[in-house]
Amino acid sequence: MKIVWYILVGFFNLLMSSLKMLSKKKRELYNKRYKICQPCDYLDKSFCKICGCFVKAKTKVDKEECPKKYW
């Protein structure tokens, strides 16, 4: 159930981010995480090859972490 909640939070924060409705601190954290993912060998288009997540949403969940511990 926790995983489903994190998925919903991630997509909600992705929406809020695109509407510029997140705090500057949150936006900076989420952007930093996403930039770390960009050159990763495990990124396949928009999905992580390790956990299968949609990276743009996962990077926007405070309690989530990279499966390789990059962030």
PDB file of N, CA and C in Angstrom:
ATOM      1  N   MET A   1       0.825  -1.195   0.000  1.00  0.00           N
ATOM      2  CA  MET A   1       0.000   0.000   0.000  1.00  0.00           C
ATOM      3  C   MET A   1       0.868   1.257   0.000  1.00  0.00           C
ATOM      4  N   LYS A   2       2.019   1.186   0.694  1.00  0.00           N
ATOM      5  CA  LYS A   2       2.931   2.322   0.747  1.00  0.00           C
ATOM      6  C   LYS A   2       3.396   2.711  -0.651  1.00  0.00           C
ATOM      7  N   ILE A   3       3.652   1.716  -1.495  1.00  0.00           N
ATOM      8  CA  ILE A   3       4.133   1.978  -2.847  1.00  0.00           C
ATOM      9  C   ILE A   3       3.079   2.722  -3.656  1.00  0.00           C
ATOM     10  N   VAL A   4       1.845   2.318  -3.546  1.00  0.00           N
ATOM     11  CA  VAL A   4       0.751   2.992  -4.259  1.00  0.00           C
ATOM     12  C   VAL A   4       0.659   4.449  -3.805  1.00  0.00           C
ATOM     13  N   TRP A   5       0.786   4.674  -2.507  1.00  0.00           N
ATOM     14  CA  TRP A   5       0.725   6.041  -1.975  1.00  0.00           C
ATOM     15  C   TRP A   5       1.864   6.885  -2.537  1.00  0.00           C
ATOM     16  N   TYR A   6       3.075   6.328  -2.577  1.00  0.00           N
ATOM     17  CA  TYR A   6       4.221   7.068  -3.106  1.00  0.00           C
ATOM     18  C   TYR A   6       4.030   7.394  -4.591  1.00  0.00           C
ATOM     19  N   ILE A   7       3.443   6.472  -5.328  1.00  0.00           N
ATOM     20  CA  ILE A   7       3.172   6.731  -6.749  1.00  0.00           C
ATOM     21  C   ILE A   7       2.204   7.904  -6.888  1.00  0.00           C
ATOM     22  N   LEU A   8       1.148   7.900  -6.093  1.00  0.00           N
ATOM     23  CA  LEU A   8       0.173   8.998  -6.144  1.00  0.00           C
ATOM     24  C   LEU A   8       0.813  10.327  -5.736  1.00  0.00           C
ATOM     25  N   VAL A   9       1.611  10.309  -4.683  1.00  0.00           N
ATOM     26  CA  VAL A   9       2.299  11.530  -4.231  1.00  0.00           C
ATOM     27  C   VAL A   9       3.237  12.033  -5.319  1.00  0.00           C
ATOM     28  N   GLY A  10       3.962  11.134  -5.946  1.00  0.00           N
ATOM     29  CA  GLY A  10       4.888  11.515  -7.011  1.00  0.00           C
ATOM     30  C   GLY A  10       4.189  12.197  -8.169  1.00  0.00           C
ATOM     31  N   PHE A  11       3.089  11.631  -8.621  1.00  0.00           N
ATOM     32  CA  PHE A  11       2.360  12.235  -9.735  1.00  0.00           C
ATOM     33  C   PHE A  11       1.680  13.536  -9.320  1.00  0.00           C
ATOM     34  N   PHE A  12       1.206  13.608  -8.085  1.00  0.00           N
ATOM     35  CA  PHE A  12       0.630  14.859  -7.588  1.00  0.00           C
ATOM     36  C   PHE A  12       1.697  15.952  -7.556  1.00  0.00           C
ATOM     37  N   ASN A  13       2.877  15.638  -7.027  1.00  0.00           N
ATOM     38  CA  ASN A  13       3.954  16.625  -6.977  1.00  0.00           C
ATOM     39  C   ASN A  13       4.461  16.985  -8.364  1.00  0.00           C
ATOM     40  N   LEU A  14       4.430  16.039  -9.285  1.00  0.00           N
ATOM     41  CA  LEU A  14       4.798  16.331 -10.667  1.00  0.00           C
ATOM     42  C   LEU A  14       3.827  17.352 -11.254  1.00  0.00           C
ATOM     43  N   LEU A  15       2.551  17.164 -11.011  1.00  0.00           N
ATOM     44  CA  LEU A  15       1.535  18.119 -11.466  1.00  0.00           C
ATOM     45  C   LEU A  15       1.742  19.480 -10.806  1.00  0.00           C
ATOM     46  N   MET A  16       1.933  19.475  -9.488  1.00  0.00           N
ATOM     47  CA  MET A  16       2.138  20.733  -8.761  1.00  0.00           C
ATOM     48  C   MET A  16       3.393  21.452  -9.252  1.00  0.00           C
ATOM     49  N   SER A  17       4.412  20.706  -9.571  1.00  0.00           N
ATOM     50  CA  SER A  17       5.649  21.285 -10.079  1.00  0.00           C
ATOM     51  C   SER A  17       5.424  21.942 -11.435  1.00  0.00           C
ATOM     52  N   SER A  18       4.700  21.265 -12.296  1.00  0.00           N
ATOM     53  CA  SER A  18       4.450  21.827 -13.629  1.00  0.00           C
ATOM     54  C   SER A  18       3.561  23.067 -13.556  1.00  0.00           C
ATOM     55  N   LEU A  19       2.762  23.175 -12.501  1.00  0.00           N
ATOM     56  CA  LEU A  19       1.922  24.358 -12.299  1.00  0.00           C
ATOM     57  C   LEU A  19       2.621  25.430 -11.462  1.00  0.00           C
ATOM     58  N   LYS A  20       3.898  25.186 -11.140  1.00  0.00           N
ATOM     59  CA  LYS A  20       4.704  26.122 -10.326  1.00  0.00           C
ATOM     60  C   LYS A  20       4.081  26.365  -8.955  1.00  0.00           C
ATOM     61  N   MET A  21       3.556  25.311  -8.343  1.00  0.00           N
ATOM     62  CA  MET A  21       2.880  25.440  -7.056  1.00  0.00           C
ATOM     63  C   MET A  21       3.630  24.749  -5.917  1.00  0.00           C
ATOM     64  N   LEU A  22       4.909  24.452  -6.116  1.00  0.00           N
ATOM     65  CA  LEU A  22       5.730  23.877  -5.060  1.00  0.00           C
ATOM     66  C   LEU A  22       6.684  24.945  -4.540  1.00  0.00           C
ATOM     67  N   SER A  23       7.117  24.786  -3.315  1.00  0.00           N
ATOM     68  CA  SER A  23       8.070  25.743  -2.757  1.00  0.00           C
ATOM     69  C   SER A  23       9.386  25.679  -3.530  1.00  0.00           C
ATOM     70  N   LYS A  24      10.133  26.748  -3.445  1.00  0.00           N
ATOM     71  CA  LYS A  24      11.415  26.807  -4.147  1.00  0.00           C
ATOM     72  C   LYS A  24      12.352  25.704  -3.649  1.00  0.00           C
ATOM     73  N   LYS A  25      12.337  25.451  -2.356  1.00  0.00           N
ATOM     74  CA  LYS A  25      13.192  24.419  -1.762  1.00  0.00           C
ATOM     75  C   LYS A  25      12.865  23.038  -2.328  1.00  0.00           C
ATOM     76  N   LYS A  26      11.576  22.736  -2.425  1.00  0.00           N
ATOM     77  CA  LYS A  26      11.150  21.443  -2.982  1.00  0.00           C
ATOM     78  C   LYS A  26      11.534  21.332  -4.453  1.00  0.00           C
ATOM     79  N   ARG A  27      11.271  22.393  -5.208  1.00  0.00           N
ATOM     80  CA  ARG A  27      11.616  22.374  -6.638  1.00  0.00           C
ATOM     81  C   ARG A  27      13.107  22.147  -6.838  1.00  0.00           C
ATOM     82  N   GLU A  28      13.925  22.804  -6.029  1.00  0.00           N
ATOM     83  CA  GLU A  28      15.375  22.634  -6.144  1.00  0.00           C
ATOM     84  C   GLU A  28      15.795  21.203  -5.832  1.00  0.00           C
ATOM     85  N   LEU A  29      15.220  20.626  -4.770  1.00  0.00           N
ATOM     86  CA  LEU A  29      15.540  19.240  -4.406  1.00  0.00           C
ATOM     87  C   LEU A  29      15.139  18.286  -5.530  1.00  0.00           C
ATOM     88  N   TYR A  30      13.928  18.422  -6.014  1.00  0.00           N
ATOM     89  CA  TYR A  30      13.426  17.523  -7.048  1.00  0.00           C
ATOM     90  C   TYR A  30      14.220  17.666  -8.345  1.00  0.00           C
ATOM     91  N   ASN A  31      14.568  18.897  -8.712  1.00  0.00           N
ATOM     92  CA  ASN A  31      15.360  19.121  -9.924  1.00  0.00           C
ATOM     93  C   ASN A  31      16.760  18.541  -9.780  1.00  0.00           C
ATOM     94  N   LYS A  32      17.350  18.675  -8.591  1.00  0.00           N
ATOM     95  CA  LYS A  32      18.675  18.112  -8.335  1.00  0.00           C
ATOM     96  C   LYS A  32      18.645  16.596  -8.500  1.00  0.00           C
ATOM     97  N   ARG A  33      17.642  15.960  -7.930  1.00  0.00           N
ATOM     98  CA  ARG A  33      17.511  14.500  -8.055  1.00  0.00           C
ATOM     99  C   ARG A  33      17.366  14.095  -9.521  1.00  0.00           C
ATOM    100  N   TYR A  34      16.493  14.787 -10.236  1.00  0.00           N
ATOM    101  CA  TYR A  34      16.244  14.428 -11.633  1.00  0.00           C
ATOM    102  C   TYR A  34      17.498  14.612 -12.482  1.00  0.00           C
ATOM    103  N   LYS A  35      18.272  15.660 -12.209  1.00  0.00           N
ATOM    104  CA  LYS A  35      19.516  15.883 -12.955  1.00  0.00           C
ATOM    105  C   LYS A  35      20.521  14.772 -12.698  1.00  0.00           C
ATOM    106  N   ILE A  36      20.521  14.228 -11.493  1.00  0.00           N
ATOM    107  CA  ILE A  36      21.403  13.100 -11.181  1.00  0.00           C
ATOM    108  C   ILE A  36      21.018  11.885 -12.020  1.00  0.00           C
ATOM    109  N   CYS A  37      19.734  11.718 -12.265  1.00  0.00           N
ATOM    110  CA  CYS A  37      19.244  10.567 -13.035  1.00  0.00           C
ATOM    111  C   CYS A  37      19.544  10.668 -14.532  1.00  0.00           C
ATOM    112  N   GLN A  38      19.654  11.854 -15.047  1.00  0.00           N
ATOM    113  CA  GLN A  38      19.785  12.038 -16.494  1.00  0.00           C
ATOM    114  C   GLN A  38      20.932  11.249 -17.135  1.00  0.00           C
ATOM    115  N   PRO A  39      22.152  11.310 -16.614  1.00  0.00           N
ATOM    116  CA  PRO A  39      23.242  10.561 -17.270  1.00  0.00           C
ATOM    117  C   PRO A  39      23.340   9.092 -16.841  1.00  0.00           C
ATOM    118  N   CYS A  40      22.462   8.655 -15.974  1.00  0.00           N
ATOM    119  CA  CYS A  40      22.543   7.303 -15.418  1.00  0.00           C
ATOM    120  C   CYS A  40      22.345   6.239 -16.499  1.00  0.00           C
ATOM    121  N   ASP A  41      23.174   5.206 -16.443  1.00  0.00           N
ATOM    122  CA  ASP A  41      23.069   4.088 -17.392  1.00  0.00           C
ATOM    123  C   ASP A  41      21.791   3.283 -17.207  1.00  0.00           C
ATOM    124  N   TYR A  42      21.171   3.408 -16.044  1.00  0.00           N
ATOM    125  CA  TYR A  42      19.958   2.654 -15.751  1.00  0.00           C
ATOM    126  C   TYR A  42      18.680   3.386 -16.165  1.00  0.00           C
ATOM    127  N   LEU A  43      18.815   4.586 -16.704  1.00  0.00           N
ATOM    128  CA  LEU A  43      17.650   5.339 -17.170  1.00  0.00           C
ATOM    129  C   LEU A  43      17.351   4.934 -18.611  1.00  0.00           C
ATOM    130  N   ASP A  44      16.155   4.464 -18.840  1.00  0.00           N
ATOM    131  CA  ASP A  44      15.716   4.071 -20.176  1.00  0.00           C
ATOM    132  C   ASP A  44      14.523   4.936 -20.538  1.00  0.00           C
ATOM    133  N   LYS A  45      14.780   5.935 -21.352  1.00  0.00           N
ATOM    134  CA  LYS A  45      13.779   6.951 -21.692  1.00  0.00           C
ATOM    135  C   LYS A  45      13.350   7.641 -20.406  1.00  0.00           C
ATOM    136  N   SER A  46      12.215   7.345 -19.855  1.00  0.00           N
ATOM    137  CA  SER A  46      11.742   7.992 -18.625  1.00  0.00           C
ATOM    138  C   SER A  46      11.636   7.030 -17.452  1.00  0.00           C
ATOM    139  N   PHE A  47      12.115   5.819 -17.634  1.00  0.00           N
ATOM    140  CA  PHE A  47      11.937   4.790 -16.614  1.00  0.00           C
ATOM    141  C   PHE A  47      13.269   4.234 -16.121  1.00  0.00           C
ATOM    142  N   CYS A  48      13.295   3.873 -14.848  1.00  0.00           N
ATOM    143  CA  CYS A  48      14.471   3.260 -14.238  1.00  0.00           C
ATOM    144  C   CYS A  48      14.484   1.769 -14.581  1.00  0.00           C
ATOM    145  N   LYS A  49      15.605   1.277 -15.092  1.00  0.00           N
ATOM    146  CA  LYS A  49      15.722  -0.142 -15.440  1.00  0.00           C
ATOM    147  C   LYS A  49      15.776  -1.033 -14.204  1.00  0.00           C
ATOM    148  N   ILE A  50      16.133  -0.468 -13.048  1.00  0.00           N
ATOM    149  CA  ILE A  50      16.255  -1.272 -11.836  1.00  0.00           C
ATOM    150  C   ILE A  50      14.903  -1.469 -11.160  1.00  0.00           C
ATOM    151  N   CYS A  51      14.217  -0.371 -10.869  1.00  0.00           N
ATOM    152  CA  CYS A  51      12.959  -0.485 -10.112  1.00  0.00           C
ATOM    153  C   CYS A  51      11.714  -0.331 -10.993  1.00  0.00           C
ATOM    154  N   GLY A  52      11.899   0.125 -12.227  1.00  0.00           N
ATOM    155  CA  GLY A  52      10.776   0.258 -13.145  1.00  0.00           C
ATOM    156  C   GLY A  52       9.940   1.514 -12.956  1.00  0.00           C
ATOM    157  N   CYS A  53      10.395   2.416 -12.106  1.00  0.00           N
ATOM    158  CA  CYS A  53       9.603   3.614 -11.806  1.00  0.00           C
ATOM    159  C   CYS A  53       9.675   4.642 -12.929  1.00  0.00           C
ATOM    160  N   PHE A  54       8.683   5.510 -12.952  1.00  0.00           N
ATOM    161  CA  PHE A  54       8.677   6.684 -13.814  1.00  0.00           C
ATOM    162  C   PHE A  54       9.504   7.728 -13.070  1.00  0.00           C
ATOM    163  N   VAL A  55      10.699   8.001 -13.550  1.00  0.00           N
ATOM    164  CA  VAL A  55      11.697   8.774 -12.817  1.00  0.00           C
ATOM    165  C   VAL A  55      11.238  10.187 -12.483  1.00  0.00           C
ATOM    166  N   LYS A  56      10.549  10.847 -13.392  1.00  0.00           N
ATOM    167  CA  LYS A  56      10.095  12.216 -13.106  1.00  0.00           C
ATOM    168  C   LYS A  56       9.175  12.265 -11.896  1.00  0.00           C
ATOM    169  N   ALA A  57       8.395  11.239 -11.682  1.00  0.00           N
ATOM    170  CA  ALA A  57       7.503  11.200 -10.521  1.00  0.00           C
ATOM    171  C   ALA A  57       8.251  10.736  -9.269  1.00  0.00           C
ATOM    172  N   LYS A  58       9.095   9.726  -9.395  1.00  0.00           N
ATOM    173  CA  LYS A  58       9.790   9.197  -8.221  1.00  0.00           C
ATOM    174  C   LYS A  58      10.707  10.237  -7.591  1.00  0.00           C
ATOM    175  N   THR A  59      11.354  11.049  -8.401  1.00  0.00           N
ATOM    176  CA  THR A  59      12.260  12.068  -7.856  1.00  0.00           C
ATOM    177  C   THR A  59      11.511  13.135  -7.074  1.00  0.00           C
ATOM    178  N   LYS A  60      10.205  13.142  -7.176  1.00  0.00           N
ATOM    179  CA  LYS A  60       9.386  14.143  -6.497  1.00  0.00           C
ATOM    180  C   LYS A  60       8.678  13.603  -5.254  1.00  0.00           C
ATOM    181  N   VAL A  61       9.135  12.475  -4.750  1.00  0.00           N
ATOM    182  CA  VAL A  61       8.603  11.911  -3.510  1.00  0.00           C
ATOM    183  C   VAL A  61       9.703  12.012  -2.457  1.00  0.00           C
ATOM    184  N   ASP A  62       9.450  12.788  -1.419  1.00  0.00           N
ATOM    185  CA  ASP A  62      10.465  13.053  -0.398  1.00  0.00           C
ATOM    186  C   ASP A  62      11.055  11.787   0.209  1.00  0.00           C
ATOM    187  N   LYS A  63      10.248  10.785   0.477  1.00  0.00           N
ATOM    188  CA  LYS A  63      10.706   9.594   1.184  1.00  0.00           C
ATOM    189  C   LYS A  63      11.259   8.509   0.267  1.00  0.00           C
ATOM    190  N   GLU A  64      11.292   8.765  -1.018  1.00  0.00           N
ATOM    191  CA  GLU A  64      11.844   7.787  -1.958  1.00  0.00           C
ATOM    192  C   GLU A  64      13.345   7.994  -2.088  1.00  0.00           C
ATOM    193  N   GLU A  65      14.011   6.987  -2.619  1.00  0.00           N
ATOM    194  CA  GLU A  65      15.436   7.102  -2.873  1.00  0.00           C
ATOM    195  C   GLU A  65      15.798   6.284  -4.104  1.00  0.00           C
ATOM    196  N   CYS A  66      16.920   6.627  -4.685  1.00  0.00           N
ATOM    197  CA  CYS A  66      17.427   5.917  -5.847  1.00  0.00           C
ATOM    198  C   CYS A  66      17.825   4.498  -5.429  1.00  0.00           C
ATOM    199  N   PRO A  67      17.491   3.482  -6.213  1.00  0.00           N
ATOM    200  CA  PRO A  67      17.868   2.116  -5.860  1.00  0.00           C
ATOM    201  C   PRO A  67      19.390   1.923  -5.807  1.00  0.00           C
ATOM    202  N   LYS A  68      20.154   2.780  -6.469  1.00  0.00           N
ATOM    203  CA  LYS A  68      21.603   2.720  -6.438  1.00  0.00           C
ATOM    204  C   LYS A  68      22.199   3.702  -5.437  1.00  0.00           C
ATOM    205  N   LYS A  69      21.324   4.384  -4.671  1.00  0.00           N
ATOM    206  CA  LYS A  69      21.736   5.334  -3.630  1.00  0.00           C
ATOM    207  C   LYS A  69      22.460   6.563  -4.190  1.00  0.00           C
ATOM    208  N   TYR A  70      22.139   6.949  -5.435  1.00  0.00           N
ATOM    209  CA  TYR A  70      22.743   8.149  -6.018  1.00  0.00           C
ATOM    210  C   TYR A  70      22.143   9.410  -5.411  1.00  0.00           C
ATOM    211  N   TRP A  71      20.922   9.328  -4.910  1.00  0.00           N
ATOM    212  CA  TRP A  71      20.289  10.446  -4.194  1.00  0.00           C
ATOM    213  C   TRP A  71      19.390   9.892  -3.116  1.00  0.00           C
TER     214      TRP A  71
END
